[in-house]
PDB file of N, CA and C in Angstrom:
ATOM      1  N   UNK A   1       0.090   4.405 -28.408  1.00  0.00           N
ATOM      2  CA  UNK A   1      -0.294   3.460 -27.400  1.00  0.00           C
ATOM      3  C   UNK A   1       0.599   3.654 -26.173  1.00  0.00           C
ATOM      4  N   UNK A   2      -0.024   3.821 -25.032  1.00  0.00           N
ATOM      5  CA  UNK A   2       0.741   4.024 -23.803  1.00  0.00           C
ATOM      6  C   UNK A   2       0.833   2.713 -23.037  1.00  0.00           C
ATOM      7  N   UNK A   3       1.957   2.537 -22.469  1.00  0.00           N
ATOM      8  CA  UNK A   3       2.182   1.335 -21.664  1.00  0.00           C
ATOM      9  C   UNK A   3       1.897   1.639 -20.210  1.00  0.00           C
ATOM     10  N   UNK A   4       1.257   0.691 -19.570  1.00  0.00           N
ATOM     11  CA  UNK A   4       1.025   0.837 -18.144  1.00  0.00           C
ATOM     12  C   UNK A   4       2.275   0.397 -17.397  1.00  0.00           C
ATOM     13  N   UNK A   5       2.630   1.201 -16.443  1.00  0.00           N
ATOM     14  CA  UNK A   5       3.781   0.849 -15.631  1.00  0.00           C
ATOM     15  C   UNK A   5       3.348  -0.004 -14.452  1.00  0.00           C
ATOM     16  N   UNK A   6       4.139  -0.989 -14.173  1.00  0.00           N
ATOM     17  CA  UNK A   6       3.889  -1.809 -12.996  1.00  0.00           C
ATOM     18  C   UNK A   6       4.349  -1.052 -11.758  1.00  0.00           C
ATOM     19  N   UNK A   7       3.644  -1.251 -10.662  1.00  0.00           N
ATOM     20  CA  UNK A   7       4.125  -0.622  -9.429  1.00  0.00           C
ATOM     21  C   UNK A   7       5.466  -1.218  -9.027  1.00  0.00           C
ATOM     22  N   UNK A   8       6.275  -0.432  -8.387  1.00  0.00           N
ATOM     23  CA  UNK A   8       7.585  -0.906  -7.943  1.00  0.00           C
ATOM     24  C   UNK A   8       7.410  -2.092  -7.004  1.00  0.00           C
ATOM     25  N   UNK A   9       8.226  -3.082  -7.216  1.00  0.00           N
ATOM     26  CA  UNK A   9       8.155  -4.283  -6.372  1.00  0.00           C
ATOM     27  C   UNK A   9       8.664  -3.947  -4.980  1.00  0.00           C
ATOM     28  N   UNK A  10       7.954  -4.393  -3.993  1.00  0.00           N
ATOM     29  CA  UNK A  10       8.425  -4.187  -2.624  1.00  0.00           C
ATOM     30  C   UNK A  10       8.988  -5.496  -2.115  1.00  0.00           C
ATOM     31  N   UNK A  11      10.063  -5.382  -1.398  1.00  0.00           N
ATOM     32  CA  UNK A  11      10.723  -6.567  -0.889  1.00  0.00           C
ATOM     33  C   UNK A  11      10.068  -7.013   0.414  1.00  0.00           C
ATOM     34  N   UNK A  12       9.811  -8.289   0.522  1.00  0.00           N
ATOM     35  CA  UNK A  12       9.239  -8.862   1.733  1.00  0.00           C
ATOM     36  C   UNK A  12      10.375  -9.128   2.711  1.00  0.00           C
ATOM     37  N   UNK A  13      10.168  -8.749   3.950  1.00  0.00           N
ATOM     38  CA  UNK A  13      11.159  -8.989   4.981  1.00  0.00           C
ATOM     39  C   UNK A  13      11.038 -10.432   5.467  1.00  0.00           C
ATOM     40  N   UNK A  14      11.960 -11.295   5.026  1.00  0.00           N
ATOM     41  CA  UNK A  14      11.892 -12.709   5.376  1.00  0.00           C
ATOM     42  C   UNK A  14      12.346 -12.985   6.801  1.00  0.00           C
ATOM     43  N   UNK A  15      13.247 -12.155   7.291  1.00  0.00           N
ATOM     44  CA  UNK A  15      13.783 -12.350   8.625  1.00  0.00           C
ATOM     45  C   UNK A  15      13.315 -11.201   9.504  1.00  0.00           C
ATOM     46  N   UNK A  16      12.678 -11.504  10.615  1.00  0.00           N
ATOM     47  CA  UNK A  16      12.168 -10.434  11.473  1.00  0.00           C
ATOM     48  C   UNK A  16      13.309  -9.622  12.068  1.00  0.00           C
ATOM     49  N   UNK A  17      13.077  -8.324  12.217  1.00  0.00           N
ATOM     50  CA  UNK A  17      14.061  -7.454  12.840  1.00  0.00           C
ATOM     51  C   UNK A  17      13.572  -6.971  14.202  1.00  0.00           C
ATOM     52  N   UNK A  18      12.386  -7.438  14.614  1.00  0.00           N
ATOM     53  CA  UNK A  18      11.901  -7.112  15.953  1.00  0.00           C
ATOM     54  C   UNK A  18      10.893  -8.175  16.397  1.00  0.00           C
ATOM     55  N   UNK A  19      10.756  -8.304  17.704  1.00  0.00           N
ATOM     56  CA  UNK A  19       9.782  -9.225  18.288  1.00  0.00           C
ATOM     57  C   UNK A  19       9.376  -8.677  19.651  1.00  0.00           C
ATOM     58  N   UNK A  20       8.093  -8.831  19.976  1.00  0.00           N
ATOM     59  CA  UNK A  20       7.565  -8.329  21.237  1.00  0.00           C
ATOM     60  C   UNK A  20       6.756  -9.435  21.910  1.00  0.00           C
ATOM     61  N   UNK A  21       7.026  -9.662  23.183  1.00  0.00           N
ATOM     62  CA  UNK A  21       6.389 -10.745  23.923  1.00  0.00           C
ATOM     63  C   UNK A  21       5.803 -10.238  25.235  1.00  0.00           C
ATOM     64  N   UNK A  22       4.834 -11.006  25.749  1.00  0.00           N
ATOM     65  CA  UNK A  22       4.234 -10.749  27.063  1.00  0.00           C
ATOM     66  C   UNK A  22       4.070 -12.068  27.797  1.00  0.00           C
ATOM     67  N   UNK A  23       4.148 -11.983  29.118  1.00  0.00           N
ATOM     68  CA  UNK A  23       3.824 -13.131  29.962  1.00  0.00           C
ATOM     69  C   UNK A  23       2.990 -12.584  31.112  1.00  0.00           C
ATOM     70  N   UNK A  24       1.708 -12.929  31.100  1.00  0.00           N
ATOM     71  CA  UNK A  24       0.787 -12.419  32.110  1.00  0.00           C
ATOM     72  C   UNK A  24       0.221 -13.595  32.890  1.00  0.00           C
ATOM     73  N   UNK A  25       0.486 -13.588  34.199  1.00  0.00           N
ATOM     74  CA  UNK A  25      -0.036 -14.609  35.100  1.00  0.00           C
ATOM     75  C   UNK A  25      -0.558 -13.909  36.356  1.00  0.00           C
ATOM     76  N   UNK A  26      -1.855 -13.518  36.329  1.00  0.00           N
ATOM     77  CA  UNK A  26      -2.409 -12.763  37.470  1.00  0.00           C
ATOM     78  C   UNK A  26      -2.330 -13.513  38.794  1.00  0.00           C
ATOM     79  N   UNK A  27      -2.441 -14.821  38.755  1.00  0.00           N
ATOM     80  CA  UNK A  27      -2.396 -15.585  40.002  1.00  0.00           C
ATOM     81  C   UNK A  27      -1.042 -15.450  40.703  1.00  0.00           C
ATOM     82  N   UNK A  28       0.000 -15.131  39.957  1.00  0.00           N
ATOM     83  CA  UNK A  28       1.334 -14.927  40.524  1.00  0.00           C
ATOM     84  C   UNK A  28       1.723 -13.451  40.533  1.00  0.00           C
ATOM     85  N   UNK A  29       0.776 -12.572  40.200  1.00  0.00           N
ATOM     86  CA  UNK A  29       1.020 -11.129  40.113  1.00  0.00           C
ATOM     87  C   UNK A  29       2.179 -10.838  39.156  1.00  0.00           C
ATOM     88  N   UNK A  30       2.172 -11.530  38.027  1.00  0.00           N
ATOM     89  CA  UNK A  30       3.253 -11.412  37.052  1.00  0.00           C
ATOM     90  C   UNK A  30       2.718 -10.781  35.771  1.00  0.00           C
ATOM     91  N   UNK A  31       3.266  -9.630  35.412  1.00  0.00           N
ATOM     92  CA  UNK A  31       2.879  -8.873  34.215  1.00  0.00           C
ATOM     93  C   UNK A  31       4.164  -8.430  33.542  1.00  0.00           C
ATOM     94  N   UNK A  32       4.738  -9.267  32.683  1.00  0.00           N
ATOM     95  CA  UNK A  32       6.063  -9.021  32.128  1.00  0.00           C
ATOM     96  C   UNK A  32       6.024  -8.804  30.622  1.00  0.00           C
ATOM     97  N   UNK A  33       7.024  -8.076  30.125  1.00  0.00           N
ATOM     98  CA  UNK A  33       7.204  -7.898  28.687  1.00  0.00           C
ATOM     99  C   UNK A  33       8.654  -8.182  28.334  1.00  0.00           C
ATOM    100  N   UNK A  34       8.884  -8.522  27.083  1.00  0.00           N
ATOM    101  CA  UNK A  34      10.231  -8.731  26.557  1.00  0.00           C
ATOM    102  C   UNK A  34      10.210  -8.265  25.113  1.00  0.00           C
ATOM    103  N   UNK A  35      11.107  -7.368  24.769  1.00  0.00           N
ATOM    104  CA  UNK A  35      11.138  -6.779  23.432  1.00  0.00           C
ATOM    105  C   UNK A  35      12.532  -6.943  22.834  1.00  0.00           C
ATOM    106  N   UNK A  36      12.578  -7.326  21.569  1.00  0.00           N
ATOM    107  CA  UNK A  36      13.840  -7.504  20.850  1.00  0.00           C
ATOM    108  C   UNK A  36      13.786  -6.706  19.556  1.00  0.00           C
ATOM    109  N   UNK A  37      14.869  -6.027  19.211  1.00  0.00           N
ATOM    110  CA  UNK A  37      14.932  -5.342  17.914  1.00  0.00           C
ATOM    111  C   UNK A  37      16.381  -5.261  17.456  1.00  0.00           C
ATOM    112  N   UNK A  38      16.561  -5.214  16.139  1.00  0.00           N
ATOM    113  CA  UNK A  38      17.890  -5.111  15.546  1.00  0.00           C
ATOM    114  C   UNK A  38      18.045  -3.700  14.994  1.00  0.00           C
ATOM    115  N   UNK A  39      19.154  -3.061  15.370  1.00  0.00           N
ATOM    116  CA  UNK A  39      19.454  -1.703  14.921  1.00  0.00           C
ATOM    117  C   UNK A  39      20.822  -1.703  14.252  1.00  0.00           C
ATOM    118  N   UNK A  40      21.016  -0.869  13.208  1.00  0.00           N
ATOM    119  CA  UNK A  40      22.344  -0.789  12.595  1.00  0.00           C
ATOM    120  C   UNK A  40      23.329  -0.104  13.546  1.00  0.00           C
ATOM    121  N   UNK A  41      24.582  -0.506  13.456  1.00  0.00           N
ATOM    122  CA  UNK A  41      25.631   0.084  14.271  1.00  0.00           C
ATOM    123  C   UNK A  41      26.382   1.109  13.422  1.00  0.00           C
ATOM    124  N   UNK A  42      27.005   2.053  14.049  1.00  0.00           N
ATOM    125  CA  UNK A  42      27.698   3.125  13.356  1.00  0.00           C
ATOM    126  C   UNK A  42      28.834   2.611  12.476  1.00  0.00           C
ATOM    127  N   UNK A  43      29.487   1.522  12.869  1.00  0.00           N
ATOM    128  CA  UNK A  43      30.652   1.023  12.151  1.00  0.00           C
ATOM    129  C   UNK A  43      30.358  -0.185  11.272  1.00  0.00           C
ATOM    130  N   UNK A  44      29.102  -0.367  10.865  1.00  0.00           N
ATOM    131  CA  UNK A  44      28.759  -1.407   9.911  1.00  0.00           C
ATOM    132  C   UNK A  44      28.212  -2.683  10.501  1.00  0.00           C
ATOM    133  N   UNK A  45      28.282  -2.848  11.785  1.00  0.00           N
ATOM    134  CA  UNK A  45      27.745  -4.044  12.419  1.00  0.00           C
ATOM    135  C   UNK A  45      26.264  -3.872  12.718  1.00  0.00           C
ATOM    136  N   UNK A  46      25.773  -4.687  13.612  1.00  0.00           N
ATOM    137  CA  UNK A  46      24.370  -4.606  14.016  1.00  0.00           C
ATOM    138  C   UNK A  46      24.290  -4.819  15.528  1.00  0.00           C
ATOM    139  N   UNK A  47      23.262  -4.256  16.126  1.00  0.00           N
ATOM    140  CA  UNK A  47      23.056  -4.353  17.564  1.00  0.00           C
ATOM    141  C   UNK A  47      21.705  -5.003  17.815  1.00  0.00           C
ATOM    142  N   UNK A  48      21.685  -6.019  18.663  1.00  0.00           N
ATOM    143  CA  UNK A  48      20.431  -6.611  19.116  1.00  0.00           C
ATOM    144  C   UNK A  48      20.068  -5.913  20.423  1.00  0.00           C
ATOM    145  N   UNK A  49      18.982  -5.148  20.388  1.00  0.00           N
ATOM    146  CA  UNK A  49      18.526  -4.412  21.564  1.00  0.00           C
ATOM    147  C   UNK A  49      17.493  -5.279  22.266  1.00  0.00           C
ATOM    148  N   UNK A  50      17.787  -5.620  23.531  1.00  0.00           N
ATOM    149  CA  UNK A  50      16.876  -6.439  24.330  1.00  0.00           C
ATOM    150  C   UNK A  50      16.364  -5.589  25.480  1.00  0.00           C
ATOM    151  N   UNK A  51      15.048  -5.546  25.644  1.00  0.00           N
ATOM    152  CA  UNK A  51      14.448  -4.778  26.729  1.00  0.00           C
ATOM    153  C   UNK A  51      13.402  -5.646  27.405  1.00  0.00           C
ATOM    154  N   UNK A  52      13.428  -5.663  28.749  1.00  0.00           N
ATOM    155  CA  UNK A  52      12.488  -6.504  29.483  1.00  0.00           C
ATOM    156  C   UNK A  52      12.143  -5.847  30.811  1.00  0.00           C
ATOM    157  N   UNK A  53      11.016  -6.291  31.366  1.00  0.00           N
ATOM    158  CA  UNK A  53      10.612  -5.784  32.672  1.00  0.00           C
ATOM    159  C   UNK A  53       9.132  -5.969  32.905  1.00  0.00           C
ATOM    160  N   UNK A  54       8.619  -5.277  33.923  1.00  0.00           N
ATOM    161  CA  UNK A  54       7.207  -5.328  34.258  1.00  0.00           C
ATOM    162  C   UNK A  54       6.450  -4.398  33.320  1.00  0.00           C
ATOM    163  N   UNK A  55       5.291  -4.849  32.842  1.00  0.00           N
ATOM    164  CA  UNK A  55       4.467  -4.033  31.955  1.00  0.00           C
ATOM    165  C   UNK A  55       4.111  -2.739  32.677  1.00  0.00           C
ATOM    166  N   UNK A  56       4.270  -1.613  31.978  1.00  0.00           N
ATOM    167  CA  UNK A  56       3.987  -0.306  32.562  1.00  0.00           C
ATOM    168  C   UNK A  56       5.234   0.398  33.061  1.00  0.00           C
ATOM    169  N   UNK A  57       6.377  -0.304  33.072  1.00  0.00           N
ATOM    170  CA  UNK A  57       7.632   0.323  33.471  1.00  0.00           C
ATOM    171  C   UNK A  57       8.563   0.398  32.271  1.00  0.00           C
ATOM    172  N   UNK A  58       9.650   1.112  32.449  1.00  0.00           N
ATOM    173  CA  UNK A  58      10.637   1.237  31.381  1.00  0.00           C
ATOM    174  C   UNK A  58      11.446  -0.050  31.222  1.00  0.00           C
ATOM    175  N   UNK A  59      11.661  -0.742  32.305  1.00  0.00           N
ATOM    176  CA  UNK A  59      12.377  -2.008  32.258  1.00  0.00           C
ATOM    177  C   UNK A  59      13.878  -1.839  32.170  1.00  0.00           C
ATOM    178  N   UNK A  60      14.540  -2.914  31.828  1.00  0.00           N
ATOM    179  CA  UNK A  60      15.988  -2.965  31.688  1.00  0.00           C
ATOM    180  C   UNK A  60      16.328  -3.159  30.222  1.00  0.00           C
ATOM    181  N   UNK A  61      17.448  -2.578  29.795  1.00  0.00           N
ATOM    182  CA  UNK A  61      17.843  -2.686  28.393  1.00  0.00           C
ATOM    183  C   UNK A  61      19.270  -3.216  28.304  1.00  0.00           C
ATOM    184  N   UNK A  62      19.487  -4.085  27.327  1.00  0.00           N
ATOM    185  CA  UNK A  62      20.812  -4.641  27.076  1.00  0.00           C
ATOM    186  C   UNK A  62      21.094  -4.556  25.580  1.00  0.00           C
ATOM    187  N   UNK A  63      22.318  -4.199  25.213  1.00  0.00           N
ATOM    188  CA  UNK A  63      22.728  -4.113  23.821  1.00  0.00           C
ATOM    189  C   UNK A  63      23.757  -5.197  23.547  1.00  0.00           C
ATOM    190  N   UNK A  64      23.485  -6.056  22.576  1.00  0.00           N
ATOM    191  CA  UNK A  64      24.415  -7.111  22.168  1.00  0.00           C
ATOM    192  C   UNK A  64      24.964  -6.752  20.793  1.00  0.00           C
ATOM    193  N   UNK A  65      26.280  -6.548  20.703  1.00  0.00           N
ATOM    194  CA  UNK A  65      26.917  -6.176  19.436  1.00  0.00           C
ATOM    195  C   UNK A  65      27.191  -7.418  18.596  1.00  0.00           C
ATOM    196  N   UNK A  66      26.952  -7.302  17.274  1.00  0.00           N
ATOM    197  CA  UNK A  66      27.197  -8.396  16.333  1.00  0.00           C
ATOM    198  C   UNK A  66      27.919  -7.844  15.115  1.00  0.00           C
ATOM    199  N   UNK A  67      28.744  -8.669  14.455  1.00  0.00           N
ATOM    200  CA  UNK A  67      29.536  -8.172  13.321  1.00  0.00           C
ATOM    201  C   UNK A  67      28.700  -7.782  12.099  1.00  0.00           C
ATOM    202  N   UNK A  68      27.538  -8.420  11.927  1.00  0.00           N
ATOM    203  CA  UNK A  68      26.677  -8.078  10.787  1.00  0.00           C
ATOM    204  C   UNK A  68      25.220  -8.366  11.140  1.00  0.00           C
ATOM    205  N   UNK A  69      24.319  -7.961  10.251  1.00  0.00           N
ATOM    206  CA  UNK A  69      22.894  -8.128  10.524  1.00  0.00           C
ATOM    207  C   UNK A  69      22.494  -9.600  10.566  1.00  0.00           C
ATOM    208  N   UNK A  70      23.140 -10.438   9.780  1.00  0.00           N
ATOM    209  CA  UNK A  70      22.826 -11.866   9.781  1.00  0.00           C
ATOM    210  C   UNK A  70      23.069 -12.514  11.131  1.00  0.00           C
ATOM    211  N   UNK A  71      24.171 -12.163  11.759  1.00  0.00           N
ATOM    212  CA  UNK A  71      24.471 -12.704  13.088  1.00  0.00           C
ATOM    213  C   UNK A  71      23.456 -12.200  14.115  1.00  0.00           C
ATOM    214  N   UNK A  72      23.047 -10.947  13.978  1.00  0.00           N
ATOM    215  CA  UNK A  72      22.052 -10.384  14.893  1.00  0.00           C
ATOM    216  C   UNK A  72      20.698 -11.068  14.713  1.00  0.00           C
ATOM    217  N   UNK A  73      20.331 -11.365  13.473  1.00  0.00           N
ATOM    218  CA  UNK A  73      19.065 -12.060  13.205  1.00  0.00           C
ATOM    219  C   UNK A  73      19.096 -13.459  13.817  1.00  0.00           C
ATOM    220  N   UNK A  74      20.231 -14.139  13.713  1.00  0.00           N
ATOM    221  CA  UNK A  74      20.361 -15.472  14.320  1.00  0.00           C
ATOM    222  C   UNK A  74      20.222 -15.394  15.838  1.00  0.00           C
ATOM    223  N   UNK A  75      20.824 -14.382  16.440  1.00  0.00           N
ATOM    224  CA  UNK A  75      20.714 -14.205  17.889  1.00  0.00           C
ATOM    225  C   UNK A  75      19.273 -13.892  18.282  1.00  0.00           C
ATOM    226  N   UNK A  76      18.587 -13.078  17.481  1.00  0.00           N
ATOM    227  CA  UNK A  76      17.181 -12.763  17.745  1.00  0.00           C
ATOM    228  C   UNK A  76      16.342 -14.031  17.679  1.00  0.00           C
ATOM    229  N   UNK A  77      16.585 -14.868  16.670  1.00  0.00           N
ATOM    230  CA  UNK A  77      15.832 -16.121  16.536  1.00  0.00           C
ATOM    231  C   UNK A  77      16.069 -17.028  17.737  1.00  0.00           C
ATOM    232  N   UNK A  78      17.307 -17.088  18.231  1.00  0.00           N
ATOM    233  CA  UNK A  78      17.601 -17.894  19.422  1.00  0.00           C
ATOM    234  C   UNK A  78      16.843 -17.363  20.632  1.00  0.00           C
ATOM    235  N   UNK A  79      16.793 -16.042  20.788  1.00  0.00           N
ATOM    236  CA  UNK A  79      16.080 -15.440  21.913  1.00  0.00           C
ATOM    237  C   UNK A  79      14.576 -15.697  21.830  1.00  0.00           C
ATOM    238  N   UNK A  80      14.029 -15.697  20.620  1.00  0.00           N
ATOM    239  CA  UNK A  80      12.597 -15.972  20.441  1.00  0.00           C
ATOM    240  C   UNK A  80      12.281 -17.379  20.951  1.00  0.00           C
ATOM    241  N   UNK A  81      13.119 -18.343  20.616  1.00  0.00           N
ATOM    242  CA  UNK A  81      12.911 -19.724  21.083  1.00  0.00           C
ATOM    243  C   UNK A  81      12.975 -19.775  22.608  1.00  0.00           C
ATOM    244  N   UNK A  82      13.947 -19.099  23.196  1.00  0.00           N
ATOM    245  CA  UNK A  82      14.097 -19.102  24.656  1.00  0.00           C
ATOM    246  C   UNK A  82      12.880 -18.467  25.324  1.00  0.00           C
ATOM    247  N   UNK A  83      12.430 -17.331  24.809  1.00  0.00           N
ATOM    248  CA  UNK A  83      11.282 -16.631  25.415  1.00  0.00           C
ATOM    249  C   UNK A  83      10.020 -17.482  25.328  1.00  0.00           C
ATOM    250  N   UNK A  84       9.783 -18.137  24.202  1.00  0.00           N
ATOM    251  CA  UNK A  84       8.593 -18.993  24.064  1.00  0.00           C
ATOM    252  C   UNK A  84       8.659 -20.170  25.024  1.00  0.00           C
ATOM    253  N   UNK A  85       9.855 -20.720  25.194  1.00  0.00           N
ATOM    254  CA  UNK A  85      10.029 -21.833  26.120  1.00  0.00           C
ATOM    255  C   UNK A  85       9.738 -21.405  27.562  1.00  0.00           C
ATOM    256  N   UNK A  86       9.981 -20.142  27.866  1.00  0.00           N
ATOM    257  CA  UNK A  86       9.743 -19.618  29.219  1.00  0.00           C
ATOM    258  C   UNK A  86       8.326 -19.092  29.412  1.00  0.00           C
ATOM    259  N   UNK A  87       7.439 -19.321  28.443  1.00  0.00           N
ATOM    260  CA  UNK A  87       6.038 -18.986  28.633  1.00  0.00           C
ATOM    261  C   UNK A  87       5.580 -17.656  28.068  1.00  0.00           C
ATOM    262  N   UNK A  88       6.440 -16.949  27.360  1.00  0.00           N
ATOM    263  CA  UNK A  88       6.049 -15.682  26.752  1.00  0.00           C
ATOM    264  C   UNK A  88       5.246 -15.951  25.478  1.00  0.00           C
ATOM    265  N   UNK A  89       4.281 -15.077  25.184  1.00  0.00           N
ATOM    266  CA  UNK A  89       3.505 -15.165  23.954  1.00  0.00           C
ATOM    267  C   UNK A  89       3.673 -13.865  23.183  1.00  0.00           C
ATOM    268  N   UNK A  90       3.467 -13.926  21.884  1.00  0.00           N
ATOM    269  CA  UNK A  90       3.625 -12.740  21.030  1.00  0.00           C
ATOM    270  C   UNK A  90       2.622 -11.668  21.441  1.00  0.00           C
ATOM    271  N   UNK A  91       3.111 -10.449  21.507  1.00  0.00           N
ATOM    272  CA  UNK A  91       2.235  -9.318  21.898  1.00  0.00           C
ATOM    273  C   UNK A  91       1.588  -8.684  20.687  1.00  0.00           C
TER     274      UNK A  91
END
């Protein structure tokens, strides 16, 4: 009798490691994007990469260093609240 193997369990990502937003207001000629992502750092920390600008351009990029991924996730969550308050919607 052969036993069926269960497929390997995949872990669900409970905390987002990236977020992408847009704010489009044609009446004000405003076509903006805001992108957030968490990247590992070479020395064990984490970096919150923030990129923003006009849609269709490269925009501006800022790197925020954090001691660990948990702190970076908290900073990302704070930025998500700020962006939504400023009228950005999920892309």
